[in-house]
Amino acid sequence: MYRVWNFLTSYSLLLIIGALAALVWANTNAESYHHFVEFVIWDNAPIGHLHDGHRTLTLHYLINDVLMAMFFAIAAKEVWEAVILEKGSLRGRRAATPLFATLGGMLGPIVVFLGLATVMGSSVYTAVANGWAIPTATDIAFSYLVGRLVFGAGHPAVRFLLLLAIADDAAGLIILALFYPSADLAPQWLLLSLGAAIGVFVLFNWLPRRLDAGKQERPNSTWVRNKLSFWPYAIAGCLSWYGFMRSGIHPALGLLPIVPAIPHADRAFGIFAEAEEHLTDLLNTMEHALKYPVEIVLFFFGLLNAGVEFSFIGPATWLVLLGLLVGKPMGIFLFGWIAARPLRLGIPQGMRILDLVVVGCVAAIGFTVSLFVASVAFQAGPVQDAAKMGALFSFAAAGISMIMGMLLRVQKQAI
């Protein structure tokens, strides 16, 4: 359990503190809070929000669009390992049912969100429709923690939940890139990102290994690792980020093309595995180096994005919340059942079909990614604030999961 708590404190505890501080601040002195959020760091800057022909770098842009790229790079690293490695968790038949369940866990919230918005009337639908992706998210750290509390650390449903959350993250990254551009699309700028990724891979990863073929001491790879370290990839990351910004795709995703280019061990032990701390390949080394910076970034992300005035609670709040608390469990159960029974793909040994209901409830904790999507789906204002409140309220899924676990007689299993 301590390993999960370490992950939670690393990537989520400061985020919660920042979010709570934002809620208190926004509801006691809203004017000073919003002035802080939109504080101008650099007017007429080379990066930032484009307005009247020039860019302005604000504190909000620095955190959400620049520094959150490190957080999404870490998420992309876990997805990359799960997909590409020979024993990756999202490869082969064992991943089929969790992937089906993930699809249901994304379609279910969309159907509930847009369906209820339609029932509420055309004015509500028009105002909130662009937020359809907000309730599709799953907060991987909190869901994993709650899953272990409900099922026990050794229950196969916990591993099922982790696979589902990783796949959900991967789909969420695709949705952000395709459906929530940050400006008018200029896809030619993506050639800069692609060129940076290919260039750094060929020159500093593939070529040294090619030159070292048959040489046990690997002199070229060792020289690149010792002398150049992470700098070529950091420079390529900056170029890729700039390409994303200029292309109109959300720049927080700008490091994603660089992650596969970084030298990586031929194995992975999983996102919460203690053994992974001892891997010395460059990708894992860089991930561990980002640990403390990402903690601080997530604190400011919570502080700058969770400051919602309770008076702004509205239709978007309940649509996001119901999409998560109703749509996600229903979708995960229905699609998981279809995969396991009619399609005969099965579920892990020791896991019941009814456990899919509880897994769906646990996965309904949106929080981090839901907050992020809300911040890009709507312009700053009452609708965005209402949607963010729905993402914050999704913590209710933790209590619902524990109640459902008791009602459905989940048998906890220790490691």
Protein backbone atom coordinates (compact mmCIF):
# COMPACT_ATOMS: atom_id res chain seq x y z
CA MET A 1 0.00 0.00 0.00
CA TYR A 2 2.89 2.36 0.72
CA ARG A 3 3.87 2.28 -2.96
CA VAL A 4 0.43 3.53 -3.98
CA TRP A 5 0.50 6.18 -1.25
CA ASN A 6 3.91 7.32 -2.52
CA PHE A 7 2.46 7.68 -6.02
CA LEU A 8 -0.59 9.47 -4.67
CA THR A 9 1.52 11.95 -2.68
CA SER A 10 3.82 12.44 -5.67
CA TYR A 11 1.18 13.19 -8.27
CA SER A 12 -2.10 13.96 -6.51
CA LEU A 13 -1.79 15.17 -2.91
CA LEU A 14 -0.44 18.58 -3.86
CA LEU A 15 -3.04 18.72 -6.62
CA ILE A 16 -5.79 18.27 -4.01
CA ILE A 17 -4.25 20.93 -1.77
CA GLY A 18 -4.10 23.34 -4.69
CA ALA A 19 -7.70 22.58 -5.67
CA LEU A 20 -9.00 23.08 -2.12
CA ALA A 21 -7.07 26.34 -1.78
CA ALA A 22 -8.56 27.51 -5.09
CA LEU A 23 -12.11 26.72 -3.95
CA VAL A 24 -11.66 28.66 -0.71
CA TRP A 25 -9.97 31.60 -2.46
CA ALA A 26 -12.52 31.85 -5.28
CA ASN A 27 -15.45 31.76 -2.85
CA THR A 28 -14.00 34.35 -0.46
CA ASN A 29 -12.36 36.82 -2.85
CA ALA A 30 -13.22 35.95 -6.44
CA GLU A 31 -11.78 39.16 -7.91
CA SER A 32 -8.27 38.68 -6.53
CA TYR A 33 -8.35 34.96 -7.45
CA HIS A 34 -9.18 35.61 -11.12
CA HIS A 35 -6.62 38.43 -11.24
CA PHE A 36 -4.01 35.93 -10.01
CA VAL A 37 -5.05 33.29 -12.57
CA GLU A 38 -4.77 35.71 -15.50
CA PHE A 39 -1.61 37.43 -14.25
CA VAL A 40 0.40 38.60 -17.28
CA ILE A 41 3.98 37.38 -17.18
CA TRP A 42 5.04 38.66 -20.62
CA ASP A 43 3.09 40.72 -23.10
CA ASN A 44 4.04 40.46 -26.80
CA ALA A 45 5.71 37.13 -26.01
CA PRO A 46 6.78 34.48 -28.56
CA ILE A 47 4.42 32.00 -26.87
CA GLY A 48 1.05 32.40 -25.18
CA HIS A 49 -2.55 33.19 -25.99
CA LEU A 50 -2.96 34.84 -29.39
CA HIS A 51 -5.01 38.03 -29.15
CA ASP A 52 -5.20 40.97 -31.56
CA GLY A 53 -2.18 39.73 -33.50
CA HIS A 54 0.17 39.28 -30.56
CA ARG A 55 0.76 36.61 -27.92
CA THR A 56 0.46 37.11 -24.18
CA LEU A 57 2.05 34.71 -21.70
CA THR A 58 -0.14 34.49 -18.60
CA LEU A 59 0.35 32.40 -15.49
CA HIS A 60 -2.61 30.24 -16.54
CA TYR A 61 -1.06 29.59 -19.97
CA LEU A 62 2.34 28.82 -18.44
CA ILE A 63 0.85 26.10 -16.24
CA ASN A 64 -1.89 24.63 -18.46
CA ASP A 65 -0.24 24.84 -21.87
CA VAL A 66 3.50 24.73 -21.15
CA LEU A 67 4.31 22.95 -17.90
CA MET A 68 1.44 20.44 -17.96
CA ALA A 69 3.23 18.98 -20.99
CA MET A 70 5.50 17.21 -18.48
CA PHE A 71 2.50 15.54 -16.83
CA PHE A 72 1.11 14.34 -20.15
CA ALA A 73 4.57 13.11 -21.15
CA ILE A 74 4.61 10.86 -18.07
CA ALA A 75 1.13 9.56 -18.96
CA ALA A 76 2.29 8.97 -22.53
CA LYS A 77 5.32 7.04 -21.26
CA GLU A 78 3.07 4.59 -19.40
CA VAL A 79 0.80 4.20 -22.44
CA TRP A 80 3.81 3.69 -24.71
CA GLU A 81 5.18 0.93 -22.48
CA ALA A 82 1.79 -0.77 -22.30
CA VAL A 83 1.41 -0.81 -26.09
CA ILE A 84 4.89 -1.37 -27.51
CA LEU A 85 6.73 -3.69 -25.13
CA GLU A 86 6.49 -7.42 -25.69
CA LYS A 87 4.85 -7.94 -22.30
CA GLY A 88 2.98 -4.64 -22.33
CA SER A 89 -0.35 -4.66 -20.52
CA LEU A 90 -2.31 -3.45 -23.56
CA ARG A 91 -1.04 -6.16 -25.89
CA GLY A 92 -2.54 -9.52 -26.69
CA ARG A 93 -5.77 -11.23 -25.75
CA ARG A 94 -5.58 -10.31 -22.06
CA ALA A 95 -6.16 -6.67 -22.97
CA ALA A 96 -9.22 -7.29 -25.15
CA THR A 97 -11.93 -7.12 -22.50
CA PRO A 98 -10.45 -4.10 -20.68
CA LEU A 99 -10.21 -2.30 -24.03
CA PHE A 100 -13.85 -3.08 -24.79
CA ALA A 101 -14.78 -1.87 -21.32
CA THR A 102 -12.78 1.30 -21.90
CA LEU A 103 -14.77 1.97 -25.07
CA GLY A 104 -17.98 1.57 -23.10
CA GLY A 105 -16.60 3.77 -20.34
CA MET A 106 -16.17 6.56 -22.88
CA LEU A 107 -19.35 6.11 -24.93
CA GLY A 108 -21.58 5.76 -21.86
CA PRO A 109 -20.70 9.19 -20.41
CA ILE A 110 -21.05 10.82 -23.84
CA VAL A 111 -24.53 9.34 -24.33
CA VAL A 112 -25.65 10.40 -20.84
CA PHE A 113 -24.11 13.88 -21.14
CA LEU A 114 -25.53 14.70 -24.57
CA GLY A 115 -28.80 12.84 -24.00
CA LEU A 116 -29.63 14.73 -20.82
CA ALA A 117 -28.48 17.99 -22.39
CA THR A 118 -30.96 17.38 -25.22
CA VAL A 119 -33.76 16.74 -22.72
CA MET A 120 -32.91 20.01 -20.94
CA GLY A 121 -33.60 21.98 -24.10
CA SER A 122 -31.84 23.45 -27.09
CA SER A 123 -30.39 26.41 -25.17
CA VAL A 124 -28.71 24.14 -22.62
CA TYR A 125 -27.53 21.75 -25.33
CA THR A 126 -25.97 24.57 -27.34
CA ALA A 127 -24.20 25.94 -24.26
CA VAL A 128 -22.73 22.66 -23.02
CA ALA A 129 -22.41 20.34 -26.05
CA ASN A 130 -18.70 21.02 -26.54
CA GLY A 131 -18.00 19.54 -23.13
CA TRP A 132 -19.02 16.01 -24.16
CA ALA A 133 -15.50 14.66 -23.52
CA ILE A 134 -15.21 15.94 -19.94
CA PRO A 135 -16.90 12.91 -18.29
CA THR A 136 -14.96 10.38 -20.39
CA ALA A 137 -11.81 10.83 -18.29
CA THR A 138 -10.54 8.57 -15.49
CA ASP A 139 -8.08 9.82 -12.89
CA ILE A 140 -5.62 6.95 -12.91
CA ALA A 141 -3.95 7.57 -9.53
CA PHE A 142 -7.10 8.07 -7.47
CA SER A 143 -8.97 5.28 -9.25
CA TYR A 144 -6.12 2.86 -8.58
CA LEU A 145 -6.01 3.85 -4.91
CA VAL A 146 -9.79 3.47 -4.44
CA GLY A 147 -9.72 0.20 -6.40
CA ARG A 148 -7.22 -1.26 -3.98
CA LEU A 149 -9.30 -0.12 -1.01
CA VAL A 150 -12.46 -1.72 -2.44
CA PHE A 151 -11.05 -4.94 -3.92
CA GLY A 152 -7.82 -5.45 -2.00
CA ALA A 153 -4.36 -5.21 -3.54
CA GLY A 154 -4.35 -8.77 -4.91
CA HIS A 155 -7.74 -8.83 -6.62
CA PRO A 156 -7.60 -9.29 -10.43
CA ALA A 157 -10.16 -6.48 -10.77
CA VAL A 158 -7.45 -4.03 -9.69
CA ARG A 159 -5.23 -5.01 -12.61
CA PHE A 160 -8.29 -4.86 -14.90
CA LEU A 161 -9.00 -1.33 -13.61
CA LEU A 162 -5.40 -0.27 -14.22
CA LEU A 163 -5.47 -1.53 -17.82
CA LEU A 164 -8.75 0.30 -18.35
CA ALA A 165 -7.38 3.54 -16.88
CA ILE A 166 -4.25 3.41 -19.03
CA ALA A 167 -6.32 2.82 -22.18
CA ASP A 168 -8.64 5.65 -21.10
CA ASP A 169 -5.64 7.97 -20.81
CA ALA A 170 -4.49 7.02 -24.29
CA ALA A 171 -7.94 7.69 -25.75
CA GLY A 172 -8.14 10.96 -23.82
CA LEU A 173 -4.89 12.17 -25.37
CA ILE A 174 -6.27 11.42 -28.84
CA ILE A 175 -9.53 13.24 -28.07
CA LEU A 176 -7.66 16.31 -26.84
CA ALA A 177 -5.54 16.39 -29.99
CA LEU A 178 -8.39 15.85 -32.46
CA PHE A 179 -11.39 17.63 -30.95
CA TYR A 180 -9.99 20.46 -28.84
CA PRO A 181 -7.56 22.52 -30.91
CA SER A 182 -6.19 25.58 -29.13
CA ALA A 183 -6.36 27.78 -32.25
CA ASP A 184 -7.04 27.62 -35.98
CA LEU A 185 -5.41 24.47 -37.30
CA ALA A 186 -2.13 24.84 -39.20
CA PRO A 187 -1.09 21.18 -39.56
CA GLN A 188 2.09 22.01 -41.50
CA TRP A 189 3.67 22.99 -38.17
CA LEU A 190 3.40 19.36 -37.07
CA LEU A 191 6.24 18.64 -39.49
CA LEU A 192 8.48 20.46 -37.00
CA SER A 193 7.36 18.09 -34.24
CA LEU A 194 7.73 15.04 -36.47
CA GLY A 195 11.17 16.17 -37.67
CA ALA A 196 12.34 16.79 -34.11
CA ALA A 197 11.20 13.32 -33.01
CA ILE A 198 12.73 11.50 -35.99
CA GLY A 199 15.93 13.53 -35.87
CA VAL A 200 16.62 12.99 -32.18
CA PHE A 201 15.78 9.29 -32.46
CA VAL A 202 18.08 8.67 -35.42
CA LEU A 203 21.03 10.77 -34.26
CA PHE A 204 21.07 10.02 -30.54
CA ASN A 205 19.32 6.65 -30.17
CA TRP A 206 19.36 4.50 -33.32
CA LEU A 207 22.73 5.59 -34.80
CA PRO A 208 24.85 5.06 -31.63
CA ARG A 209 23.32 1.60 -31.18
CA ARG A 210 23.96 0.84 -34.85
CA LEU A 211 27.59 1.86 -34.52
CA ASP A 212 27.92 -0.27 -31.38
CA ALA A 213 26.66 -3.45 -33.05
CA GLY A 214 28.90 -6.32 -31.93
CA LYS A 215 30.78 -4.17 -29.40
CA GLN A 216 30.12 -5.33 -25.85
CA GLU A 217 31.38 -2.10 -24.27
CA ARG A 218 29.00 0.04 -26.42
CA PRO A 219 31.34 3.06 -26.64
CA ASN A 220 29.15 5.31 -28.80
CA SER A 221 25.95 4.80 -26.80
CA THR A 222 27.88 5.28 -23.56
CA TRP A 223 29.44 8.53 -24.81
CA VAL A 224 26.05 9.90 -25.88
CA ARG A 225 24.50 8.92 -22.54
CA ASN A 226 27.35 10.30 -20.39
CA LYS A 227 28.21 13.45 -22.33
CA LEU A 228 24.90 14.56 -23.80
CA SER A 229 22.48 12.99 -21.32
CA PHE A 230 18.89 14.21 -21.77
CA TRP A 231 19.74 17.50 -23.51
CA PRO A 232 19.10 16.41 -27.13
CA TYR A 233 15.65 15.21 -26.10
CA ALA A 234 14.94 18.35 -24.10
CA ILE A 235 15.78 20.49 -27.14
CA ALA A 236 13.70 18.24 -29.40
CA GLY A 237 10.86 18.50 -26.87
CA CYS A 238 10.94 22.29 -27.03
CA LEU A 239 10.81 22.19 -30.84
CA SER A 240 7.97 19.67 -30.79
CA TRP A 241 6.04 21.75 -28.23
CA TYR A 242 6.44 24.85 -30.40
CA GLY A 243 5.24 22.91 -33.44
CA PHE A 244 2.11 21.84 -31.56
CA MET A 245 1.45 25.39 -30.39
CA ARG A 246 1.73 26.83 -33.88
CA SER A 247 -0.29 23.96 -35.39
CA GLY A 248 -3.31 24.74 -33.23
CA ILE A 249 -3.27 21.38 -31.41
CA HIS A 250 -3.18 21.82 -27.66
CA PRO A 251 0.51 22.39 -26.80
CA ALA A 252 0.25 20.46 -23.52
CA LEU A 253 0.48 17.39 -25.78
CA GLY A 254 3.61 18.70 -27.45
CA LEU A 255 6.07 16.26 -25.84
CA LEU A 256 4.19 13.15 -26.91
CA PRO A 257 6.09 12.59 -30.20
CA ILE A 258 9.42 12.70 -28.34
CA VAL A 259 8.62 10.02 -25.75
CA PRO A 260 8.98 7.04 -28.16
CA ALA A 261 12.32 8.44 -29.37
CA ILE A 262 14.00 8.24 -25.94
CA PRO A 263 16.10 5.11 -25.18
CA HIS A 264 13.95 2.72 -23.21
CA ALA A 265 14.47 -0.56 -21.35
CA ASP A 266 13.02 -3.63 -23.04
CA ARG A 267 10.78 -4.27 -20.05
CA ALA A 268 8.37 -2.46 -17.77
CA PHE A 269 7.08 -3.49 -14.38
CA GLY A 270 3.97 -1.30 -14.33
CA ILE A 271 3.01 2.15 -13.24
CA PHE A 272 3.07 1.35 -9.50
CA ALA A 273 5.81 -1.30 -9.51
CA GLU A 274 8.63 -0.66 -7.05
CA ALA A 275 11.10 -2.47 -9.32
CA GLU A 276 10.74 0.18 -12.03
CA GLU A 277 12.60 2.65 -9.81
CA HIS A 278 15.75 0.60 -10.42
CA LEU A 279 15.64 0.77 -14.23
CA THR A 280 18.47 2.99 -15.45
CA ASP A 281 17.46 3.58 -19.07
CA LEU A 282 17.20 7.23 -20.06
CA LEU A 283 13.40 7.31 -20.30
CA ASN A 284 12.89 6.03 -16.76
CA THR A 285 15.70 8.28 -15.49
CA MET A 286 14.02 11.31 -17.04
CA GLU A 287 10.64 10.30 -15.61
CA HIS A 288 12.09 10.12 -12.11
CA ALA A 289 13.85 13.47 -12.60
CA LEU A 290 10.48 15.03 -13.44
CA LYS A 291 8.88 13.77 -10.24
CA TYR A 292 9.29 16.88 -8.10
CA PRO A 293 8.74 19.43 -10.87
CA VAL A 294 5.48 17.68 -11.82
CA GLU A 295 4.36 17.71 -8.17
CA ILE A 296 4.72 21.49 -8.13
CA VAL A 297 3.07 21.88 -11.54
CA LEU A 298 0.05 19.84 -10.40
CA PHE A 299 -0.28 22.00 -7.30
CA PHE A 300 -0.49 25.11 -9.47
CA PHE A 301 -2.76 23.31 -11.93
CA GLY A 302 -5.21 22.66 -9.12
CA LEU A 303 -4.82 26.20 -7.81
CA LEU A 304 -5.41 27.83 -11.20
CA ASN A 305 -8.20 25.57 -12.46
CA ALA A 306 -10.33 24.48 -9.50
CA GLY A 307 -11.30 27.94 -8.28
CA VAL A 308 -15.03 27.69 -8.94
CA GLU A 309 -17.62 29.80 -7.19
CA PHE A 310 -20.41 27.65 -5.79
CA SER A 311 -22.93 30.11 -7.19
CA PHE A 312 -21.93 28.94 -10.69
CA ILE A 313 -23.22 25.40 -10.14
CA GLY A 314 -25.54 24.77 -13.08
CA PRO A 315 -26.64 22.30 -15.76
CA ALA A 316 -23.05 21.56 -16.85
CA THR A 317 -22.23 20.50 -13.29
CA TRP A 318 -24.91 17.82 -13.20
CA LEU A 319 -24.31 16.71 -16.78
CA VAL A 320 -20.61 16.10 -16.11
CA LEU A 321 -21.34 14.45 -12.77
CA LEU A 322 -24.08 12.16 -14.12
CA GLY A 323 -21.96 11.35 -17.16
CA LEU A 324 -19.27 10.11 -14.80
CA LEU A 325 -21.36 8.52 -12.04
CA VAL A 326 -24.04 6.95 -14.29
CA GLY A 327 -22.69 6.77 -17.84
CA LYS A 328 -19.25 5.39 -17.05
CA PRO A 329 -20.35 2.45 -14.81
CA MET A 330 -23.15 1.55 -17.23
CA GLY A 331 -20.84 1.70 -20.25
CA ILE A 332 -18.05 -0.29 -18.60
CA PHE A 333 -20.44 -3.00 -17.38
CA LEU A 334 -22.33 -3.31 -20.68
CA PHE A 335 -19.29 -3.42 -22.96
CA GLY A 336 -17.32 -5.55 -20.50
CA TRP A 337 -20.19 -8.05 -20.39
CA ILE A 338 -20.44 -8.12 -24.20
CA ALA A 339 -16.71 -8.80 -24.48
CA ALA A 340 -16.67 -11.43 -21.75
CA ARG A 341 -19.85 -13.35 -22.63
CA PRO A 342 -21.21 -12.96 -26.22
CA LEU A 343 -17.74 -12.39 -27.69
CA ARG A 344 -16.22 -15.00 -25.34
CA LEU A 345 -13.09 -12.96 -24.66
CA GLY A 346 -13.40 -13.74 -20.96
CA ILE A 347 -12.39 -11.86 -17.84
CA PRO A 348 -9.43 -12.47 -15.51
CA GLN A 349 -9.63 -15.60 -13.38
CA GLY A 350 -11.05 -14.79 -9.95
CA MET A 351 -13.08 -11.82 -11.21
CA ARG A 352 -16.90 -11.87 -11.47
CA ILE A 353 -19.06 -10.13 -14.06
CA LEU A 354 -20.65 -8.16 -11.21
CA ASP A 355 -17.21 -6.80 -10.35
CA LEU A 356 -17.42 -4.81 -13.58
CA VAL A 357 -20.11 -2.65 -11.95
CA VAL A 358 -17.76 -1.75 -9.10
CA VAL A 359 -14.86 -1.19 -11.51
CA GLY A 360 -17.10 1.23 -13.41
CA CYS A 361 -17.92 3.13 -10.23
CA VAL A 362 -14.23 3.42 -9.33
CA ALA A 363 -13.34 4.58 -12.85
CA ALA A 364 -15.91 7.39 -12.52
CA ILE A 365 -13.39 9.52 -10.62
CA GLY A 366 -12.50 12.06 -13.32
CA PHE A 367 -10.77 14.92 -11.50
CA THR A 368 -7.39 15.76 -13.08
CA VAL A 369 -8.03 15.09 -16.78
CA SER A 370 -11.69 16.12 -16.49
CA LEU A 371 -10.60 19.48 -15.07
CA PHE A 372 -8.11 19.86 -17.91
CA VAL A 373 -10.67 19.03 -20.60
CA ALA A 374 -13.17 21.45 -19.04
CA SER A 375 -10.57 24.21 -19.21
CA VAL A 376 -10.12 23.70 -22.97
CA ALA A 377 -13.71 22.78 -23.90
CA PHE A 378 -15.23 26.08 -22.74
CA GLN A 379 -14.19 29.69 -22.60
CA ALA A 380 -13.58 31.05 -19.10
CA GLY A 381 -16.93 31.85 -17.54
CA PRO A 382 -19.97 30.33 -15.84
CA VAL A 383 -20.29 27.25 -18.08
CA GLN A 384 -16.63 26.31 -17.66
CA ASP A 385 -16.85 26.82 -13.90
CA ALA A 386 -20.00 24.72 -13.68
CA ALA A 387 -18.35 21.90 -15.65
CA LYS A 388 -15.27 22.03 -13.42
CA MET A 389 -17.48 21.70 -10.36
CA GLY A 390 -18.88 18.50 -11.83
CA ALA A 391 -15.34 17.17 -12.23
CA LEU A 392 -14.57 18.03 -8.60
CA PHE A 393 -17.78 16.42 -7.37
CA SER A 394 -16.78 13.18 -9.10
CA PHE A 395 -14.86 12.32 -5.94
CA ALA A 396 -18.26 11.04 -4.76
CA ALA A 397 -17.50 8.00 -6.90
CA ALA A 398 -15.06 6.82 -4.20
CA GLY A 399 -17.83 6.54 -1.62
CA ILE A 400 -20.25 5.03 -4.14
CA SER A 401 -17.61 2.42 -5.07
CA MET A 402 -17.20 1.33 -1.46
CA ILE A 403 -20.97 1.06 -0.98
CA MET A 404 -21.37 -0.94 -4.21
CA GLY A 405 -18.50 -3.17 -3.17
CA MET A 406 -20.35 -4.04 0.02
CA LEU A 407 -23.74 -4.47 -1.69
CA LEU A 408 -22.29 -6.76 -4.36
CA ARG A 409 -20.25 -8.67 -1.79
CA VAL A 410 -16.81 -8.04 -3.24
CA GLN A 411 -14.32 -10.40 -1.64
CA LYS A 412 -11.15 -8.46 -0.87
CA GLN A 413 -7.93 -10.21 -1.82
CA ALA A 414 -4.53 -9.38 -0.34
CA ILE A 415 -1.34 -9.68 -2.35
